[in-house]
Amino acid sequence: DKAILSQEEQLVHSADLVVASSQALYDRMKKLHPSTLLLRNAADASHFYNPMPVAPELTSIRGPVIGYYGAISDWFDIRLIGQLAARRPDWTFVLIGHTFGCDTSVVESLPNVMLLGEKPYERLPSYLHRFDVALIPFLENELTRATNPVKLYEYLAAGKPVVSTYLPELETVAAGLTLVACTPEDFEQAIERSLQRQAPREVQARMQFARSHTWEMRYKELHEH
């Protein structure tokens, strides 16, 4: 909305410091304010590293679990999930989060898609640790091109392989740790490859990445700046 954008610009000009969570936002804000800091997102790595008993809803699933948690809104590619679930009935797709702004009717009749709604933050690891592959299935638009997703760091903290649609920030911060796919066919192949990427050294590399991107580290960087 134009009024909001105008207020944002006024706020930026009156600020002492502007913090941007992605390169795209930093590039935009730096033109408006010389004191702009690029401070990407992070994770409470220890919270997501610690395994918990598997959430009751997932204990009876025997095949691969392909999971996502977070907002399921208008930037979420629900049609992609529907296509993947139809192509692979042997995989169970677990979606956790509110669905305000997203028409989930395309997946509601599919037996291998579970829409579990929102879950408390403290219980998310009990779902995440049952995921075999974690997804970031966002549509490509102006919003997502400026997104540095917190869930990336949380997924990796649990050692999970990640498959995502194209997000510029993933190329910058997690190249080699995630697989990017653009079509349902590419996504299916990327998930297949990720199901095979469970070697201890690969799991440890993901966890190590997350341990080097914690909120404590971001605080220190902000404090020093």
C-alpha atoms as a PDB file:
ATOM      1  CA  ASP A   1       0.000   0.000   0.000  1.00  0.00           C
ATOM      2  CA  LYS A   2       1.444   3.397  -0.993  1.00  0.00           C
ATOM      3  CA  ALA A   3       0.716   4.959   2.396  1.00  0.00           C
ATOM      4  CA  ILE A   4       2.652   2.219   4.184  1.00  0.00           C
ATOM      5  CA  LEU A   5       5.593   2.552   1.802  1.00  0.00           C
ATOM      6  CA  SER A   6       5.656   6.295   2.401  1.00  0.00           C
ATOM      7  CA  GLN A   7       5.645   5.777   6.162  1.00  0.00           C
ATOM      8  CA  GLU A   8       8.422   3.206   5.834  1.00  0.00           C
ATOM      9  CA  GLU A   9      10.605   5.722   4.012  1.00  0.00           C
ATOM     10  CA  GLN A  10       9.936   8.367   6.679  1.00  0.00           C
ATOM     11  CA  LEU A  11      10.814   5.855   9.397  1.00  0.00           C
ATOM     12  CA  VAL A  12      14.059   4.892   7.628  1.00  0.00           C
ATOM     13  CA  HIS A  13      15.138   8.530   7.318  1.00  0.00           C
ATOM     14  CA  SER A  14      14.455   9.192  11.005  1.00  0.00           C
ATOM     15  CA  ALA A  15      16.256   6.070  12.256  1.00  0.00           C
ATOM     16  CA  ASP A  16      19.749   5.990  13.754  1.00  0.00           C
ATOM     17  CA  LEU A  17      20.384   2.508  12.387  1.00  0.00           C
ATOM     18  CA  VAL A  18      18.535   0.395   9.831  1.00  0.00           C
ATOM     19  CA  VAL A  19      18.827  -3.399   9.991  1.00  0.00           C
ATOM     20  CA  ALA A  20      18.133  -5.463   6.863  1.00  0.00           C
ATOM     21  CA  SER A  21      17.763  -9.263   6.944  1.00  0.00           C
ATOM     22  CA  SER A  22      18.636  -9.974   3.290  1.00  0.00           C
ATOM     23  CA  GLN A  23      20.880  -8.605   0.562  1.00  0.00           C
ATOM     24  CA  ALA A  24      17.918  -7.345  -1.455  1.00  0.00           C
ATOM     25  CA  LEU A  25      16.581  -5.366   1.506  1.00  0.00           C
ATOM     26  CA  TYR A  26      20.062  -4.092   2.360  1.00  0.00           C
ATOM     27  CA  ASP A  27      20.631  -2.831  -1.186  1.00  0.00           C
ATOM     28  CA  ARG A  28      17.315  -0.993  -1.070  1.00  0.00           C
ATOM     29  CA  MET A  29      17.761   0.488   2.397  1.00  0.00           C
ATOM     30  CA  LYS A  30      21.393   1.521   1.884  1.00  0.00           C
ATOM     31  CA  LYS A  31      20.242   3.982  -0.760  1.00  0.00           C
ATOM     32  CA  LEU A  32      17.944   5.599   1.803  1.00  0.00           C
ATOM     33  CA  HIS A  33      20.173   5.534   4.883  1.00  0.00           C
ATOM     34  CA  PRO A  34      24.006   5.408   5.084  1.00  0.00           C
ATOM     35  CA  SER A  35      23.907   3.558   8.417  1.00  0.00           C
ATOM     36  CA  THR A  36      22.374   0.296   7.286  1.00  0.00           C
ATOM     37  CA  LEU A  37      23.499  -3.095   8.574  1.00  0.00           C
ATOM     38  CA  LEU A  38      23.012  -6.419   6.796  1.00  0.00           C
ATOM     39  CA  LEU A  39      22.082  -8.772   9.627  1.00  0.00           C
ATOM     40  CA  ARG A  40      20.646 -12.005   8.326  1.00  0.00           C
ATOM     41  CA  ASN A  41      18.347 -14.309  10.256  1.00  0.00           C
ATOM     42  CA  ALA A  42      19.565 -17.188  12.404  1.00  0.00           C
ATOM     43  CA  ALA A  43      18.221 -19.920  14.671  1.00  0.00           C
ATOM     44  CA  ASP A  44      18.119 -21.183  18.215  1.00  0.00           C
ATOM     45  CA  ALA A  45      20.279 -24.071  17.021  1.00  0.00           C
ATOM     46  CA  SER A  46      20.324 -25.969  20.306  1.00  0.00           C
ATOM     47  CA  HIS A  47      16.506 -26.021  20.438  1.00  0.00           C
ATOM     48  CA  PHE A  48      16.208 -27.654  17.018  1.00  0.00           C
ATOM     49  CA  TYR A  49      19.255 -29.894  17.399  1.00  0.00           C
ATOM     50  CA  ASN A  50      17.884 -31.646  20.473  1.00  0.00           C
ATOM     51  CA  PRO A  51      15.798 -34.640  19.416  1.00  0.00           C
ATOM     52  CA  MET A  52      12.436 -35.157  21.097  1.00  0.00           C
ATOM     53  CA  PRO A  53       9.983 -38.062  21.016  1.00  0.00           C
ATOM     54  CA  VAL A  54       8.231 -38.047  17.643  1.00  0.00           C
ATOM     55  CA  ALA A  55       4.961 -36.118  17.618  1.00  0.00           C
ATOM     56  CA  PRO A  56       2.000 -38.510  18.051  1.00  0.00           C
ATOM     57  CA  GLU A  57       0.473 -37.546  14.683  1.00  0.00           C
ATOM     58  CA  LEU A  58       3.575 -38.854  12.879  1.00  0.00           C
ATOM     59  CA  THR A  59       4.399 -42.055  14.771  1.00  0.00           C
ATOM     60  CA  SER A  60       2.373 -44.364  12.518  1.00  0.00           C
ATOM     61  CA  ILE A  61       3.904 -43.130   9.231  1.00  0.00           C
ATOM     62  CA  ARG A  62       6.205 -45.749   7.741  1.00  0.00           C
ATOM     63  CA  GLY A  63       7.443 -44.176   4.509  1.00  0.00           C
ATOM     64  CA  PRO A  64       9.392 -40.958   3.871  1.00  0.00           C
ATOM     65  CA  VAL A  65       8.034 -37.779   5.463  1.00  0.00           C
ATOM     66  CA  ILE A  66       8.460 -34.593   3.434  1.00  0.00           C
ATOM     67  CA  GLY A  67       7.745 -31.694   5.756  1.00  0.00           C
ATOM     68  CA  TYR A  68       7.251 -27.964   6.075  1.00  0.00           C
ATOM     69  CA  TYR A  69       6.389 -25.694   8.950  1.00  0.00           C
ATOM     70  CA  GLY A  70       5.664 -21.980   8.913  1.00  0.00           C
ATOM     71  CA  ALA A  71       3.033 -19.722   7.440  1.00  0.00           C
ATOM     72  CA  ILE A  72       1.035 -21.251   4.596  1.00  0.00           C
ATOM     73  CA  SER A  73      -0.122 -18.071   2.903  1.00  0.00           C
ATOM     74  CA  ASP A  74      -0.354 -16.558  -0.569  1.00  0.00           C
ATOM     75  CA  TRP A  75       3.398 -16.925  -1.141  1.00  0.00           C
ATOM     76  CA  PHE A  76       3.261 -20.690  -0.450  1.00  0.00           C
ATOM     77  CA  ASP A  77       3.129 -22.891  -3.569  1.00  0.00           C
ATOM     78  CA  ILE A  78       0.287 -25.179  -2.511  1.00  0.00           C
ATOM     79  CA  ARG A  79      -0.227 -26.395  -6.082  1.00  0.00           C
ATOM     80  CA  LEU A  80       3.332 -27.690  -6.122  1.00  0.00           C
ATOM     81  CA  ILE A  81       2.608 -29.743  -3.003  1.00  0.00           C
ATOM     82  CA  GLY A  82      -0.536 -31.109  -4.623  1.00  0.00           C
ATOM     83  CA  GLN A  83       1.343 -32.126  -7.759  1.00  0.00           C
ATOM     84  CA  LEU A  84       4.133 -33.776  -5.788  1.00  0.00           C
ATOM     85  CA  ALA A  85       1.713 -35.641  -3.531  1.00  0.00           C
ATOM     86  CA  ALA A  86      -0.199 -36.936  -6.550  1.00  0.00           C
ATOM     87  CA  ARG A  87       3.019 -38.057  -8.225  1.00  0.00           C
ATOM     88  CA  ARG A  88       4.361 -39.774  -5.110  1.00  0.00           C
ATOM     89  CA  PRO A  89       1.649 -41.466  -3.046  1.00  0.00           C
ATOM     90  CA  ASP A  90       4.418 -43.325  -1.159  1.00  0.00           C
ATOM     91  CA  TRP A  91       5.584 -40.049   0.408  1.00  0.00           C
ATOM     92  CA  THR A  92       3.700 -38.290   3.206  1.00  0.00           C
ATOM     93  CA  PHE A  93       3.644 -34.497   3.026  1.00  0.00           C
ATOM     94  CA  VAL A  94       3.289 -32.862   6.445  1.00  0.00           C
ATOM     95  CA  LEU A  95       2.335 -29.162   6.471  1.00  0.00           C
ATOM     96  CA  ILE A  96       2.385 -27.319   9.801  1.00  0.00           C
ATOM     97  CA  GLY A  97       1.164 -23.738  10.143  1.00  0.00           C
ATOM     98  CA  HIS A  98      -1.862 -21.507   9.739  1.00  0.00           C
ATOM     99  CA  THR A  99      -3.358 -21.426   6.252  1.00  0.00           C
ATOM    100  CA  PHE A 100      -4.805 -17.906   6.221  1.00  0.00           C
ATOM    101  CA  GLY A 101      -4.480 -16.542   2.680  1.00  0.00           C
ATOM    102  CA  CYS A 102      -3.943 -19.921   1.023  1.00  0.00           C
ATOM    103  CA  ASP A 103      -6.546 -22.063  -0.728  1.00  0.00           C
ATOM    104  CA  THR A 104      -5.647 -25.543   0.514  1.00  0.00           C
ATOM    105  CA  SER A 105      -8.555 -27.271  -1.245  1.00  0.00           C
ATOM    106  CA  VAL A 106      -6.142 -28.647  -3.870  1.00  0.00           C
ATOM    107  CA  VAL A 107      -4.533 -30.913  -1.252  1.00  0.00           C
ATOM    108  CA  GLU A 108      -7.293 -31.534   1.276  1.00  0.00           C
ATOM    109  CA  SER A 109      -8.578 -34.657  -0.495  1.00  0.00           C
ATOM    110  CA  LEU A 110      -5.133 -36.229  -0.924  1.00  0.00           C
ATOM    111  CA  PRO A 111      -4.572 -39.055   1.580  1.00  0.00           C
ATOM    112  CA  ASN A 112      -0.824 -38.450   1.807  1.00  0.00           C
ATOM    113  CA  VAL A 113      -1.042 -34.749   2.740  1.00  0.00           C
ATOM    114  CA  MET A 114      -1.425 -33.845   6.409  1.00  0.00           C
ATOM    115  CA  LEU A 115      -2.491 -30.297   7.317  1.00  0.00           C
ATOM    116  CA  LEU A 116      -1.765 -30.125  11.034  1.00  0.00           C
ATOM    117  CA  GLY A 117      -2.365 -26.425  11.722  1.00  0.00           C
ATOM    118  CA  GLU A 118      -0.160 -24.350  13.993  1.00  0.00           C
ATOM    119  CA  LYS A 119       2.009 -25.991  16.639  1.00  0.00           C
ATOM    120  CA  PRO A 120       3.787 -24.439  19.638  1.00  0.00           C
ATOM    121  CA  TYR A 121       7.393 -23.404  19.017  1.00  0.00           C
ATOM    122  CA  GLU A 122       8.652 -25.655  21.810  1.00  0.00           C
ATOM    123  CA  ARG A 123       7.128 -28.719  20.097  1.00  0.00           C
ATOM    124  CA  LEU A 124       8.402 -28.083  16.560  1.00  0.00           C
ATOM    125  CA  PRO A 125      11.494 -30.310  16.965  1.00  0.00           C
ATOM    126  CA  SER A 126       9.243 -33.303  17.677  1.00  0.00           C
ATOM    127  CA  TYR A 127       7.869 -32.875  14.148  1.00  0.00           C
ATOM    128  CA  LEU A 128      11.064 -31.740  12.442  1.00  0.00           C
ATOM    129  CA  HIS A 129      13.092 -34.728  13.618  1.00  0.00           C
ATOM    130  CA  ARG A 130      10.635 -37.050  11.861  1.00  0.00           C
ATOM    131  CA  PHE A 131      11.021 -35.186   8.561  1.00  0.00           C
ATOM    132  CA  ASP A 132      13.232 -37.015   6.069  1.00  0.00           C
ATOM    133  CA  VAL A 133      13.389 -33.931   3.843  1.00  0.00           C
ATOM    134  CA  ALA A 134      12.383 -30.366   4.738  1.00  0.00           C
ATOM    135  CA  LEU A 135      10.850 -28.031   2.156  1.00  0.00           C
ATOM    136  CA  ILE A 136      10.765 -24.308   1.431  1.00  0.00           C
ATOM    137  CA  PRO A 137       8.152 -24.275  -1.368  1.00  0.00           C
ATOM    138  CA  PHE A 138       7.649 -20.557  -1.951  1.00  0.00           C
ATOM    139  CA  LEU A 139       6.351 -18.890  -5.075  1.00  0.00           C
ATOM    140  CA  GLU A 140       8.859 -16.545  -6.670  1.00  0.00           C
ATOM    141  CA  ASN A 141       7.777 -12.934  -6.190  1.00  0.00           C
ATOM    142  CA  GLU A 142       9.065  -9.649  -4.819  1.00  0.00           C
ATOM    143  CA  LEU A 143       8.422 -10.768  -1.234  1.00  0.00           C
ATOM    144  CA  THR A 144      10.237 -14.095  -1.465  1.00  0.00           C
ATOM    145  CA  ARG A 145      13.143 -12.648  -3.461  1.00  0.00           C
ATOM    146  CA  ALA A 146      13.842 -10.492  -0.387  1.00  0.00           C
ATOM    147  CA  THR A 147      13.394 -13.330   2.117  1.00  0.00           C
ATOM    148  CA  ASN A 148      16.067 -14.916   4.274  1.00  0.00           C
ATOM    149  CA  PRO A 149      13.992 -17.698   5.852  1.00  0.00           C
ATOM    150  CA  VAL A 150      14.502 -18.474   9.536  1.00  0.00           C
ATOM    151  CA  LYS A 151      13.295 -22.024   8.885  1.00  0.00           C
ATOM    152  CA  LEU A 152      16.368 -22.680   6.721  1.00  0.00           C
ATOM    153  CA  TYR A 153      18.631 -22.357   9.775  1.00  0.00           C
ATOM    154  CA  GLU A 154      16.230 -24.362  11.953  1.00  0.00           C
ATOM    155  CA  TYR A 155      15.944 -27.193   9.427  1.00  0.00           C
ATOM    156  CA  LEU A 156      19.732 -27.380   9.119  1.00  0.00           C
ATOM    157  CA  ALA A 157      20.161 -27.281  12.899  1.00  0.00           C
ATOM    158  CA  ALA A 158      18.357 -30.633  12.976  1.00  0.00           C
ATOM    159  CA  GLY A 159      20.631 -31.924  10.204  1.00  0.00           C
ATOM    160  CA  LYS A 160      17.808 -32.169   7.677  1.00  0.00           C
ATOM    161  CA  PRO A 161      18.333 -31.940   3.905  1.00  0.00           C
ATOM    162  CA  VAL A 162      16.478 -28.971   2.443  1.00  0.00           C
ATOM    163  CA  VAL A 163      14.796 -28.624  -0.953  1.00  0.00           C
ATOM    164  CA  SER A 164      13.611 -25.157  -1.931  1.00  0.00           C
ATOM    165  CA  THR A 165      12.266 -23.145  -4.786  1.00  0.00           C
ATOM    166  CA  TYR A 166      14.630 -20.441  -6.034  1.00  0.00           C
ATOM    167  CA  LEU A 167      15.473 -17.894  -3.328  1.00  0.00           C
ATOM    168  CA  PRO A 168      18.481 -15.613  -3.899  1.00  0.00           C
ATOM    169  CA  GLU A 169      19.432 -15.751  -0.214  1.00  0.00           C
ATOM    170  CA  LEU A 170      19.842 -19.532  -0.297  1.00  0.00           C
ATOM    171  CA  GLU A 171      22.430 -19.233  -3.054  1.00  0.00           C
ATOM    172  CA  THR A 172      24.329 -16.720  -0.953  1.00  0.00           C
ATOM    173  CA  VAL A 173      24.275 -18.283   2.498  1.00  0.00           C
ATOM    174  CA  ALA A 174      23.683 -22.015   2.012  1.00  0.00           C
ATOM    175  CA  ALA A 175      25.064 -23.034  -1.373  1.00  0.00           C
ATOM    176  CA  GLY A 176      25.923 -26.726  -1.293  1.00  0.00           C
ATOM    177  CA  LEU A 177      23.714 -27.398   1.712  1.00  0.00           C
ATOM    178  CA  THR A 178      20.376 -27.104  -0.078  1.00  0.00           C
ATOM    179  CA  LEU A 179      18.934 -28.243  -3.393  1.00  0.00           C
ATOM    180  CA  VAL A 180      16.970 -25.779  -5.519  1.00  0.00           C
ATOM    181  CA  ALA A 181      14.219 -26.920  -7.885  1.00  0.00           C
ATOM    182  CA  CYS A 182      11.885 -24.989 -10.176  1.00  0.00           C
ATOM    183  CA  THR A 183       9.386 -27.538 -11.535  1.00  0.00           C
ATOM    184  CA  PRO A 184       7.449 -30.401  -9.948  1.00  0.00           C
ATOM    185  CA  GLU A 185       9.673 -32.848 -11.838  1.00  0.00           C
ATOM    186  CA  ASP A 186      12.827 -31.115 -10.572  1.00  0.00           C
ATOM    187  CA  PHE A 187      11.386 -31.066  -7.059  1.00  0.00           C
ATOM    188  CA  GLU A 188      10.634 -34.778  -7.140  1.00  0.00           C
ATOM    189  CA  GLN A 189      14.177 -35.548  -8.283  1.00  0.00           C
ATOM    190  CA  ALA A 190      15.671 -33.197  -5.677  1.00  0.00           C
ATOM    191  CA  ILE A 191      13.674 -34.881  -2.916  1.00  0.00           C
ATOM    192  CA  GLU A 192      14.804 -38.287  -4.192  1.00  0.00           C
ATOM    193  CA  ARG A 193      18.428 -37.138  -4.063  1.00  0.00           C
ATOM    194  CA  SER A 194      17.931 -35.623  -0.622  1.00  0.00           C
ATOM    195  CA  LEU A 195      16.528 -38.881   0.733  1.00  0.00           C
ATOM    196  CA  GLN A 196      19.908 -40.394  -0.122  1.00  0.00           C
ATOM    197  CA  ARG A 197      21.887 -37.554   1.476  1.00  0.00           C
ATOM    198  CA  GLN A 198      21.791 -38.891   5.019  1.00  0.00           C
ATOM    199  CA  ALA A 199      25.480 -39.692   5.478  1.00  0.00           C
ATOM    200  CA  PRO A 200      26.778 -38.623   8.914  1.00  0.00           C
ATOM    201  CA  ARG A 201      29.268 -36.167   7.399  1.00  0.00           C
ATOM    202  CA  GLU A 202      26.479 -34.417   5.465  1.00  0.00           C
ATOM    203  CA  VAL A 203      24.233 -34.273   8.530  1.00  0.00           C
ATOM    204  CA  GLN A 204      27.116 -32.855  10.574  1.00  0.00           C
ATOM    205  CA  ALA A 205      27.879 -30.219   7.904  1.00  0.00           C
ATOM    206  CA  ARG A 206      24.296 -28.963   8.105  1.00  0.00           C
ATOM    207  CA  MET A 207      24.360 -28.838  11.887  1.00  0.00           C
ATOM    208  CA  GLN A 208      27.713 -27.067  11.888  1.00  0.00           C
ATOM    209  CA  PHE A 209      26.340 -24.413   9.545  1.00  0.00           C
ATOM    210  CA  ALA A 210      23.447 -23.770  11.927  1.00  0.00           C
ATOM    211  CA  ARG A 211      25.769 -23.608  14.943  1.00  0.00           C
ATOM    212  CA  SER A 212      27.657 -20.811  13.192  1.00  0.00           C
ATOM    213  CA  HIS A 213      24.435 -18.826  12.629  1.00  0.00           C
ATOM    214  CA  THR A 214      22.824 -18.373  16.034  1.00  0.00           C
ATOM    215  CA  TRP A 215      20.920 -15.454  17.509  1.00  0.00           C
ATOM    216  CA  GLU A 216      23.748 -14.943  20.024  1.00  0.00           C
ATOM    217  CA  MET A 217      26.161 -14.410  17.150  1.00  0.00           C
ATOM    218  CA  ARG A 218      23.777 -11.995  15.478  1.00  0.00           C
ATOM    219  CA  TYR A 219      23.436 -10.075  18.753  1.00  0.00           C
ATOM    220  CA  LYS A 220      27.220  -9.718  19.027  1.00  0.00           C
ATOM    221  CA  GLU A 221      27.420  -8.456  15.467  1.00  0.00           C
ATOM    222  CA  LEU A 222      24.653  -5.915  16.091  1.00  0.00           C
ATOM    223  CA  HIS A 223      26.175  -4.843  19.414  1.00  0.00           C
ATOM    224  CA  GLU A 224      29.603  -4.278  17.842  1.00  0.00           C
ATOM    225  CA  HIS A 225      28.085  -2.288  15.015  1.00  0.00           C
END
